[in-house]
Protein backbone atom coordinates (compact mmCIF):
# COMPACT_ATOMS: atom_id res chain seq x y z
CA MET A 1 -14.31 4.41 35.04
CA THR A 2 -12.18 2.13 33.10
CA GLU A 3 -14.68 -0.09 30.74
CA THR A 4 -14.10 -3.26 32.75
CA GLU A 5 -15.39 -1.04 35.70
CA PHE A 6 -18.38 -0.31 33.58
CA LEU A 7 -18.84 -3.73 32.36
CA ASP A 8 -18.99 -5.07 35.89
CA LEU A 9 -21.21 -2.41 37.39
CA ALA A 10 -23.61 -2.73 34.66
CA ASP A 11 -23.88 -6.34 34.96
CA SER A 12 -24.48 -5.70 38.63
CA THR A 13 -27.20 -3.47 38.15
CA LEU A 14 -28.71 -5.43 35.17
CA SER A 15 -29.12 -8.58 37.33
CA ALA A 16 -30.47 -6.38 40.37
CA ILE A 17 -32.98 -5.32 38.07
CA GLU A 18 -34.09 -8.62 37.24
CA THR A 19 -33.81 -10.58 40.35
CA ALA A 20 -36.55 -7.42 41.82
CA LEU A 21 -38.67 -8.13 39.01
CA ASP A 22 -38.38 -12.00 39.75
CA ARG A 23 -39.36 -10.83 43.40
CA LEU A 24 -42.40 -8.80 42.60
CA THR A 25 -43.18 -11.57 40.07
CA ASP A 26 -42.67 -14.50 42.99
CA GLU A 27 -45.06 -11.82 45.17
CA ASP A 28 -48.29 -11.49 42.43
CA ARG A 29 -47.36 -7.82 42.65
CA ILE A 30 -46.68 -7.84 38.57
CA ASP A 31 -46.65 -10.48 35.93
CA VAL A 32 -43.45 -10.53 33.70
CA GLU A 33 -40.93 -12.50 32.63
CA CYS A 34 -37.15 -11.61 32.55
CA SER A 35 -34.78 -12.79 29.99
CA ARG A 36 -31.21 -11.89 29.83
CA SER A 37 -28.59 -12.29 26.52
CA GLY A 38 -25.30 -10.79 27.61
CA ASN A 39 -25.71 -7.00 28.42
CA VAL A 40 -29.50 -7.30 27.16
CA LEU A 41 -32.33 -7.62 29.83
CA GLU A 42 -35.45 -8.21 28.04
CA ILE A 43 -38.43 -7.67 30.43
CA GLU A 44 -41.80 -8.94 28.97
CA PHE A 45 -45.43 -7.80 30.72
CA LEU A 46 -47.25 -10.97 29.99
CA HIS A 47 -50.79 -9.95 30.44
CA ASN A 48 -50.05 -7.41 26.93
CA SER A 49 -46.93 -8.86 25.80
CA SER A 50 -45.27 -5.15 26.00
CA LYS A 51 -41.89 -5.43 26.49
CA VAL A 52 -39.04 -3.18 28.11
CA ILE A 53 -35.27 -3.85 27.30
CA VAL A 54 -32.71 -2.84 29.28
CA ASN A 55 -28.91 -3.00 28.08
CA SER A 56 -25.59 -1.75 28.49
CA GLN A 57 -23.54 0.90 26.46
CA ALA A 58 -19.88 0.35 26.78
CA ALA A 59 -18.64 2.87 24.50
CA MET A 60 -20.92 5.44 25.79
CA GLN A 61 -20.48 3.87 29.66
CA GLU A 62 -24.61 4.63 30.19
CA LEU A 63 -27.13 1.72 30.68
CA TRP A 64 -30.23 2.22 27.76
CA VAL A 65 -33.90 1.49 28.50
CA ALA A 66 -36.65 1.03 25.64
CA ALA A 67 -39.99 1.59 27.10
CA ARG A 68 -43.55 2.42 25.01
CA SER A 69 -42.79 5.84 26.83
CA GLY A 70 -39.77 6.10 24.74
CA GLY A 71 -35.64 5.29 24.73
CA PHE A 72 -34.00 6.91 27.83
CA HIS A 73 -29.98 6.94 28.45
CA TYR A 74 -28.26 6.48 32.37
CA ARG A 75 -24.84 7.44 33.55
CA TYR A 76 -23.64 6.41 36.93
CA VAL A 77 -23.27 9.88 38.90
CA ASP A 78 -22.21 9.55 42.63
CA GLY A 79 -23.55 5.96 43.05
CA LYS A 80 -26.68 6.00 41.18
CA TRP A 81 -27.70 5.39 37.33
CA ILE A 82 -29.11 8.94 36.61
CA ASP A 83 -30.80 9.75 33.41
CA THR A 84 -28.90 12.03 31.01
CA ARG A 85 -32.15 13.96 29.81
CA ASP A 86 -33.61 14.78 33.73
CA GLY A 87 -32.02 13.39 36.18
CA THR A 88 -34.65 11.29 37.04
CA GLU A 89 -32.69 7.80 39.12
CA LEU A 90 -32.53 4.58 36.93
CA PHE A 91 -34.87 2.61 39.73
CA ASP A 92 -37.54 5.23 39.94
CA ALA A 93 -38.03 5.46 36.36
CA LEU A 94 -38.56 1.64 35.78
CA SER A 95 -41.43 1.91 38.93
CA GLN A 96 -42.95 4.18 36.64
CA ILE A 97 -42.15 2.30 33.33
CA ALA A 98 -43.59 -0.85 34.92
CA THR A 99 -46.68 0.75 36.61
CA GLU A 100 -47.61 2.00 33.31
CA GLN A 101 -46.80 -1.14 31.17
CA SER A 102 -48.17 -3.74 33.80
CA GLY A 103 -51.80 -1.61 33.80
CA GLY A 104 -52.17 -2.15 37.77
CA SER A 105 -51.32 -0.91 40.77
CA PRO A 106 -48.29 0.81 41.46
CA VAL A 107 -44.80 -1.07 41.11
CA ILE A 108 -41.57 -0.31 42.87
CA VAL A 109 -38.96 -1.72 41.51
CA SER A 110 -36.06 -1.88 44.30
CA THR A 111 -32.81 -3.45 45.30
CA ASN A 112 -34.42 -3.92 48.86
CA PRO A 113 -36.43 -6.89 49.43
């Protein structure tokens, strides 16, 4: 994949994450505030001020996630962002991370409304 293709894909993925979290906030299922600056998406959990950072790394063609539970790297493989260590899919991992950091009921971060 070219750098331009990667940047477009990463941008659309960050937008999809932000849209999914905004939808969950609107539905009162989670209380987060998202802010985006270029290739960095910052997700703040308002009840405890914890944060998750998702950013693209063009040189590595990866998305990186920093959360309380650790740091994770994802590569695009067969139409999905896959963790380079354990094979977890990005949106599944973000669901687990959001559930843990929100301290509430299970949260499903998905591109499906």
